[in-house]
């Protein structure tokens, strides 16, 4: 790929990025304004690093894919402002489906404004529009790779707009999911019912609860979810940076509706006390045992998530002090697990 070596003297006009617009979305609009492809525009601006063999898809463009200093000089936007538009990289790849808010896109169309892709829609933890408080609509990532100008963003969303909404039977769940999404975007410790919790602790708790809810037997969930959601989801590991700048890894479904369904239930568990939850979390004895073995959670968090696990952890400690690690301890522990219903 050829690149311009000299720094560009500056474009005569550049549209301003929209609120929370993704860098790649804005670059598509700039390229369209000048009648160029995205790769050609960046090449002529000298914004392509010499060690980048292939330009990533527009929605993946970040500070590693383009030279922000050269882009800043050509577009007259500060480097820090450009950095705020970049997505948080997701490794090893993006989920099978991302989400977009149809209402946001419709509002732009009705106002006669160009379509924009919101930075907050990126990443496996994005499930709800933080403006309208509605579920994001699934958009296949492979369809986004074919977008060459922002006008095609709407076309990428439309083919799935009529797909059955698996969450329609549970309208209240979106409030729980939005609550959790806001917490996961926090850069500092957040106050939860069990006390102040650091972002790193929160994501660890979310991962643990999500894992156990995924492994709940289908028969235990069939009364609480649409049939299509009771199928075992395809789950994959996603690594990304949290809002606090920490590297985190989480296991989540690759399809958006299944992530929404799962994270809404994780949020419900974390938001409401056990007695106030509107669906019963049928923790298996294996789940209780795994949750009881977690370490590093804030005081009270385990008791909030699963009282049986907190009780088991306490009684296990007492047994360990009484018997040590001996056959008597394991026998007593097995009896404890057998008593969990």
Protein backbone atom coordinates (compact mmCIF):
# COMPACT_ATOMS: atom_id res chain seq x y z
CA UNK A 1 0.00 0.00 0.00
CA UNK A 2 1.51 3.32 -1.04
CA UNK A 3 1.51 6.12 1.46
CA UNK A 4 2.21 9.81 1.40
CA UNK A 5 5.46 10.62 3.13
CA UNK A 6 5.05 14.37 3.53
CA UNK A 7 2.63 15.78 6.06
CA UNK A 8 -0.56 17.07 4.47
CA UNK A 9 -1.02 20.83 4.68
CA UNK A 10 -4.65 20.45 5.73
CA UNK A 11 -8.04 19.81 4.16
CA UNK A 12 -10.06 22.94 3.32
CA UNK A 13 -13.17 21.63 5.06
CA UNK A 14 -13.83 18.77 7.46
CA UNK A 15 -17.23 17.88 8.96
CA UNK A 16 -17.21 17.86 12.74
CA UNK A 17 -17.56 14.47 14.44
CA UNK A 18 -20.96 13.87 16.02
CA UNK A 19 -21.38 13.22 19.75
CA UNK A 20 -19.77 9.84 20.53
CA UNK A 21 -19.21 9.17 16.83
CA UNK A 22 -16.78 6.36 16.05
CA UNK A 23 -13.54 7.39 14.37
CA UNK A 24 -14.09 5.10 11.39
CA UNK A 25 -17.61 6.45 10.89
CA UNK A 26 -16.32 10.01 10.80
CA UNK A 27 -13.48 9.09 8.43
CA UNK A 28 -16.00 7.48 6.07
CA UNK A 29 -17.90 10.77 6.00
CA UNK A 30 -14.72 12.74 5.27
CA UNK A 31 -13.73 10.33 2.49
CA UNK A 32 -17.21 10.49 0.98
CA UNK A 33 -17.11 14.30 1.01
CA UNK A 34 -13.94 14.26 -1.12
CA UNK A 35 -15.10 11.39 -3.36
CA UNK A 36 -12.33 9.04 -2.21
CA UNK A 37 -12.14 5.59 -0.72
CA UNK A 38 -11.14 5.48 2.93
CA UNK A 39 -7.75 3.88 2.17
CA UNK A 40 -7.00 6.47 -0.53
CA UNK A 41 -7.92 9.36 1.77
CA UNK A 42 -5.71 8.15 4.60
CA UNK A 43 -2.87 7.46 2.20
CA UNK A 44 -2.98 10.98 0.75
CA UNK A 45 -3.11 12.47 4.23
CA UNK A 46 0.01 10.53 5.22
CA UNK A 47 -1.95 8.93 8.06
CA UNK A 48 -1.05 5.30 7.33
CA UNK A 49 1.86 3.94 9.39
CA UNK A 50 4.58 2.26 7.36
CA UNK A 51 4.22 -0.98 9.36
CA UNK A 52 0.49 -1.38 8.59
CA UNK A 53 0.20 -3.73 5.61
CA UNK A 54 -3.60 -3.68 5.44
CA UNK A 55 -6.03 -1.07 6.67
CA UNK A 56 -8.45 -2.60 9.23
CA UNK A 57 -12.18 -2.45 8.66
CA UNK A 58 -13.54 1.05 9.24
CA UNK A 59 -15.12 0.17 12.60
CA UNK A 60 -11.80 -1.20 13.89
CA UNK A 61 -9.60 1.80 13.08
CA UNK A 62 -7.72 2.99 16.15
CA UNK A 63 -4.45 4.68 17.07
CA UNK A 64 -2.50 1.58 16.00
CA UNK A 65 -3.98 1.65 12.48
CA UNK A 66 -3.55 5.35 11.67
CA UNK A 67 -1.10 8.10 12.59
CA UNK A 68 -3.21 10.38 14.72
CA UNK A 69 -0.66 13.20 14.59
CA UNK A 70 -0.78 13.28 10.76
CA UNK A 71 -4.57 12.98 10.82
CA UNK A 72 -4.74 15.83 13.31
CA UNK A 73 -2.60 18.09 11.13
CA UNK A 74 -4.73 17.38 8.05
CA UNK A 75 -8.14 17.70 9.70
CA UNK A 76 -7.39 20.47 12.24
CA UNK A 77 -8.74 18.36 15.11
CA UNK A 78 -6.54 17.79 18.14
CA UNK A 79 -4.92 14.42 18.61
CA UNK A 80 -6.70 13.99 21.95
CA UNK A 81 -10.09 14.64 20.34
CA UNK A 82 -9.36 12.06 17.67
CA UNK A 83 -8.23 9.53 20.29
CA UNK A 84 -11.60 9.88 22.03
CA UNK A 85 -13.32 8.61 18.87
CA UNK A 86 -11.36 5.37 18.64
CA UNK A 87 -12.96 2.06 19.65
CA UNK A 88 -11.61 -0.15 22.38
CA UNK A 89 -9.89 -2.97 20.52
CA UNK A 90 -11.51 -6.38 20.89
CA UNK A 91 -9.29 -9.45 20.71
CA UNK A 92 -8.93 -11.85 19.05
CA UNK A 93 -11.86 -10.65 16.91
CA UNK A 94 -15.17 -8.83 17.13
CA UNK A 95 -18.31 -10.77 18.06
CA UNK A 96 -20.36 -12.36 15.29
CA UNK A 97 -22.89 -9.57 15.82
CA UNK A 98 -22.61 -5.99 17.07
CA UNK A 99 -25.56 -3.72 17.78
CA UNK A 100 -26.98 -0.45 16.48
CA UNK A 101 -29.87 1.71 17.67
CA UNK A 102 -32.48 1.94 14.94
CA UNK A 103 -34.08 4.95 16.64
CA UNK A 104 -30.79 6.88 16.59
CA UNK A 105 -30.42 6.17 12.87
CA UNK A 106 -34.05 7.11 12.20
CA UNK A 107 -33.62 10.38 14.10
CA UNK A 108 -30.66 11.26 11.88
CA UNK A 109 -32.61 10.40 8.74
CA UNK A 110 -35.66 12.41 9.84
CA UNK A 111 -33.43 15.42 10.59
CA UNK A 112 -31.74 15.17 7.20
CA UNK A 113 -28.38 14.54 8.86
CA UNK A 114 -25.73 11.99 7.80
CA UNK A 115 -25.86 8.60 9.47
CA UNK A 116 -23.19 7.97 12.11
CA UNK A 117 -21.99 4.93 13.98
CA UNK A 118 -21.89 5.51 17.72
CA UNK A 119 -18.71 4.57 19.58
CA UNK A 120 -20.84 3.28 22.48
CA UNK A 121 -22.27 0.55 20.25
CA UNK A 122 -18.89 -1.15 19.98
CA UNK A 123 -17.75 -4.08 22.08
CA UNK A 124 -19.30 -7.27 23.45
CA UNK A 125 -20.71 -5.55 26.56
CA UNK A 126 -22.81 -3.04 24.58
CA UNK A 127 -26.43 -4.21 24.65
CA UNK A 128 -28.64 -1.13 25.15
CA UNK A 129 -28.82 2.35 23.60
CA UNK A 130 -27.86 4.75 26.37
CA UNK A 131 -29.88 7.51 24.68
CA UNK A 132 -33.23 5.78 24.09
CA UNK A 133 -32.94 2.98 26.64
CA UNK A 134 -33.88 0.34 24.06
CA UNK A 135 -32.22 -2.89 22.99
CA UNK A 136 -29.66 -2.49 20.23
CA UNK A 137 -30.56 -4.21 16.97
CA UNK A 138 -28.21 -7.01 15.89
CA UNK A 139 -25.97 -6.23 12.94
CA UNK A 140 -23.78 -8.99 11.55
CA UNK A 141 -20.14 -7.91 11.72
CA UNK A 142 -19.57 -9.37 8.26
CA UNK A 143 -22.19 -6.96 6.87
CA UNK A 144 -20.37 -4.00 8.42
CA UNK A 145 -17.18 -4.99 6.62
CA UNK A 146 -18.96 -4.25 3.34
CA UNK A 147 -19.88 -0.66 4.29
CA UNK A 148 -17.98 1.82 2.10
CA UNK A 149 -19.83 5.02 3.00
CA UNK A 150 -22.01 6.10 5.93
CA UNK A 151 -25.18 5.99 3.86
CA UNK A 152 -24.78 2.21 3.71
CA UNK A 153 -24.89 1.92 7.51
CA UNK A 154 -28.68 1.92 7.41
CA UNK A 155 -28.64 -0.82 4.76
CA UNK A 156 -26.47 -2.97 7.02
CA UNK A 157 -29.01 -2.64 9.84
CA UNK A 158 -32.22 -3.09 7.84
CA UNK A 159 -31.87 -6.80 6.96
CA UNK A 160 -32.12 -7.79 10.64
CA UNK A 161 -34.64 -5.15 11.69
CA UNK A 162 -37.57 -7.53 11.19
CA UNK A 163 -35.92 -10.46 12.97
CA UNK A 164 -37.88 -11.78 15.98
CA UNK A 165 -36.95 -9.96 19.16
CA UNK A 166 -36.25 -12.72 21.63
CA UNK A 167 -36.53 -10.33 24.56
CA UNK A 168 -40.01 -8.98 23.80
CA UNK A 169 -41.58 -11.15 26.49
CA UNK A 170 -39.54 -9.45 29.18
CA UNK A 171 -39.66 -5.66 28.68
CA UNK A 172 -38.44 -4.85 32.19
CA UNK A 173 -35.09 -6.57 31.61
CA UNK A 174 -33.76 -3.70 29.48
CA UNK A 175 -33.65 -1.49 32.58
CA UNK A 176 -31.41 -4.00 34.35
CA UNK A 177 -29.13 -4.32 31.33
CA UNK A 178 -28.81 -0.53 30.99
CA UNK A 179 -28.00 -0.28 34.71
CA UNK A 180 -25.17 -2.80 34.39
CA UNK A 181 -23.88 -1.27 31.16
CA UNK A 182 -23.53 2.11 32.87
CA UNK A 183 -21.58 0.51 35.74
CA UNK A 184 -19.23 -1.28 33.36
CA UNK A 185 -18.43 2.01 31.63
CA UNK A 186 -17.42 3.65 34.92
CA UNK A 187 -13.77 4.65 35.25
CA UNK A 188 -13.70 4.56 39.04
CA UNK A 189 -15.15 2.44 41.82
CA UNK A 190 -18.95 2.21 41.87
CA UNK A 191 -21.31 1.87 44.81
CA UNK A 192 -23.38 -1.30 44.79
CA UNK A 193 -25.68 -2.78 47.38
CA UNK A 194 -22.79 -4.61 49.04
CA UNK A 195 -20.49 -1.53 49.00
CA UNK A 196 -17.90 0.18 46.84
CA UNK A 197 -16.57 -2.05 44.08
CA UNK A 198 -13.60 -1.50 41.78
CA UNK A 199 -14.11 -1.96 38.01
CA UNK A 200 -11.76 -4.98 38.02
CA UNK A 201 -13.81 -6.65 40.77
CA UNK A 202 -17.07 -5.88 38.99
CA UNK A 203 -16.01 -7.49 35.72
CA UNK A 204 -14.76 -10.53 37.64
CA UNK A 205 -18.16 -10.85 39.34
CA UNK A 206 -19.98 -10.39 36.01
CA UNK A 207 -17.82 -13.11 34.45
CA UNK A 208 -18.50 -15.54 37.29
CA UNK A 209 -22.26 -14.96 37.32
CA UNK A 210 -22.45 -15.13 33.51
CA UNK A 211 -20.58 -18.44 33.50
CA UNK A 212 -22.95 -19.99 35.99
CA UNK A 213 -26.07 -18.70 34.21
CA UNK A 214 -24.80 -20.11 30.92
CA UNK A 215 -24.36 -23.50 32.55
CA UNK A 216 -27.80 -23.57 34.22
CA UNK A 217 -29.65 -26.63 32.86
CA UNK A 218 -32.10 -25.79 30.08
CA UNK A 219 -34.98 -27.35 32.03
CA UNK A 220 -34.39 -24.92 34.87
CA UNK A 221 -34.66 -21.91 32.56
CA UNK A 222 -37.42 -23.03 30.22
CA UNK A 223 -40.14 -21.40 32.31
CA UNK A 224 -38.31 -18.06 32.36
CA UNK A 225 -37.17 -17.44 28.80
CA UNK A 226 -38.35 -17.64 25.19
CA UNK A 227 -37.60 -21.09 23.69
CA UNK A 228 -35.06 -19.66 21.23
CA UNK A 229 -32.98 -18.36 24.16
CA UNK A 230 -32.84 -21.75 25.87
CA UNK A 231 -30.53 -23.22 23.27
CA UNK A 232 -26.91 -23.41 24.32
CA UNK A 233 -25.24 -20.26 22.92
CA UNK A 234 -21.97 -20.19 21.01
CA UNK A 235 -19.58 -18.66 23.52
CA UNK A 236 -16.18 -17.13 22.85
CA UNK A 237 -13.47 -15.33 24.76
CA UNK A 238 -13.22 -11.57 24.18
CA UNK A 239 -10.35 -9.46 25.42
CA UNK A 240 -10.61 -5.67 25.59
CA UNK A 241 -9.78 -2.65 27.71
CA UNK A 242 -12.31 -1.54 30.29
CA UNK A 243 -13.30 2.11 30.68
CA UNK A 244 -10.77 2.25 33.52
CA UNK A 245 -8.02 1.20 31.09
CA UNK A 246 -7.59 -2.30 32.49
CA UNK A 247 -7.18 -5.31 30.23
CA UNK A 248 -10.06 -7.71 30.84
CA UNK A 249 -11.18 -11.02 29.36
CA UNK A 250 -14.74 -12.27 29.37
CA UNK A 251 -16.60 -15.25 27.91
CA UNK A 252 -19.83 -14.23 26.19
CA UNK A 253 -22.13 -15.41 23.38
CA UNK A 254 -21.11 -14.25 19.92
CA UNK A 255 -24.70 -13.34 18.96
CA UNK A 256 -26.16 -10.10 20.30
CA UNK A 257 -29.61 -11.33 21.35
CA UNK A 258 -28.01 -14.04 23.45
CA UNK A 259 -25.58 -11.55 25.01
CA UNK A 260 -28.49 -9.24 25.80
CA UNK A 261 -30.44 -12.09 27.35
CA UNK A 262 -27.46 -13.24 29.41
CA UNK A 263 -26.21 -9.83 30.57
CA UNK A 264 -29.75 -8.75 31.46
CA UNK A 265 -29.93 -11.71 33.85
CA UNK A 266 -26.49 -11.04 35.24
CA UNK A 267 -27.64 -7.46 35.85
CA UNK A 268 -30.83 -8.70 37.51
CA UNK A 269 -28.83 -10.86 39.91
CA UNK A 270 -26.47 -8.03 40.79
CA UNK A 271 -29.13 -5.32 41.03
CA UNK A 272 -31.81 -7.01 43.12
CA UNK A 273 -31.66 -8.87 46.42
CA UNK A 274 -32.40 -12.62 46.16
CA UNK A 275 -35.91 -12.19 47.59
CA UNK A 276 -36.75 -9.42 45.10
CA UNK A 277 -35.60 -11.21 41.93
CA UNK A 278 -38.47 -11.89 39.58
CA UNK A 279 -36.95 -15.09 38.22
CA UNK A 280 -35.44 -17.85 40.32
CA UNK A 281 -31.76 -18.48 39.78
CA UNK A 282 -31.51 -22.23 40.12
CA UNK A 283 -27.88 -22.56 41.09
CA UNK A 284 -26.74 -26.16 40.89
CA UNK A 285 -24.61 -27.59 43.68
CA UNK A 286 -21.65 -27.38 41.28
CA UNK A 287 -22.38 -23.67 40.69
CA UNK A 288 -22.65 -23.03 44.41
CA UNK A 289 -19.34 -24.79 44.95
CA UNK A 290 -17.60 -22.79 42.20
CA UNK A 291 -19.00 -19.49 43.45
CA UNK A 292 -17.97 -20.36 47.01
CA UNK A 293 -14.39 -20.85 45.84
CA UNK A 294 -14.10 -17.35 44.32
CA UNK A 295 -11.61 -15.01 45.91
CA UNK A 296 -11.09 -11.29 45.86
CA UNK A 297 -14.74 -10.29 45.76
CA UNK A 298 -15.78 -7.31 47.91
CA UNK A 299 -17.23 -8.22 51.31
CA UNK A 300 -20.91 -9.06 50.98
CA UNK A 301 -20.88 -9.54 47.19
CA UNK A 302 -20.98 -13.34 47.35
CA UNK A 303 -23.80 -13.30 49.90
CA UNK A 304 -25.76 -10.98 47.59
CA UNK A 305 -25.17 -13.07 44.46
CA UNK A 306 -25.70 -16.49 46.04
CA UNK A 307 -26.43 -16.82 49.78
CA UNK A 308 -25.92 -20.59 49.58
CA UNK A 309 -22.40 -20.08 48.26
CA UNK A 310 -21.58 -17.56 51.00
CA UNK A 311 -22.90 -19.97 53.63
CA UNK A 312 -20.91 -22.81 52.09
CA UNK A 313 -17.72 -20.71 52.06
CA UNK A 314 -18.18 -19.86 55.74
CA UNK A 315 -18.91 -23.44 56.80
CA UNK A 316 -16.06 -24.78 54.66
CA UNK A 317 -13.65 -22.48 56.49
CA UNK A 318 -14.96 -23.78 59.82
CA UNK A 319 -14.58 -27.39 58.64
CA UNK A 320 -11.06 -26.73 57.43
CA UNK A 321 -10.09 -25.32 60.80
CA UNK A 322 -11.70 -28.28 62.55
CA UNK A 323 -10.41 -31.12 60.39
CA UNK A 324 -7.62 -29.65 58.29
CA UNK A 325 -7.26 -31.10 54.78
CA UNK A 326 -8.06 -34.66 55.72
CA UNK A 327 -10.50 -37.43 54.72
CA UNK A 328 -12.82 -36.17 57.45
CA UNK A 329 -12.89 -32.71 55.89
CA UNK A 330 -13.75 -33.99 52.40
CA UNK A 331 -16.46 -36.24 53.81
CA UNK A 332 -18.00 -33.33 55.71
CA UNK A 333 -17.70 -31.05 52.68
CA UNK A 334 -19.46 -33.59 50.48
CA UNK A 335 -22.28 -33.72 53.00
CA UNK A 336 -22.51 -29.93 52.89
CA UNK A 337 -22.77 -29.91 49.10
CA UNK A 338 -25.38 -32.66 49.18
CA UNK A 339 -27.50 -30.52 51.52
CA UNK A 340 -27.72 -27.68 48.96
CA UNK A 341 -31.01 -27.56 47.09
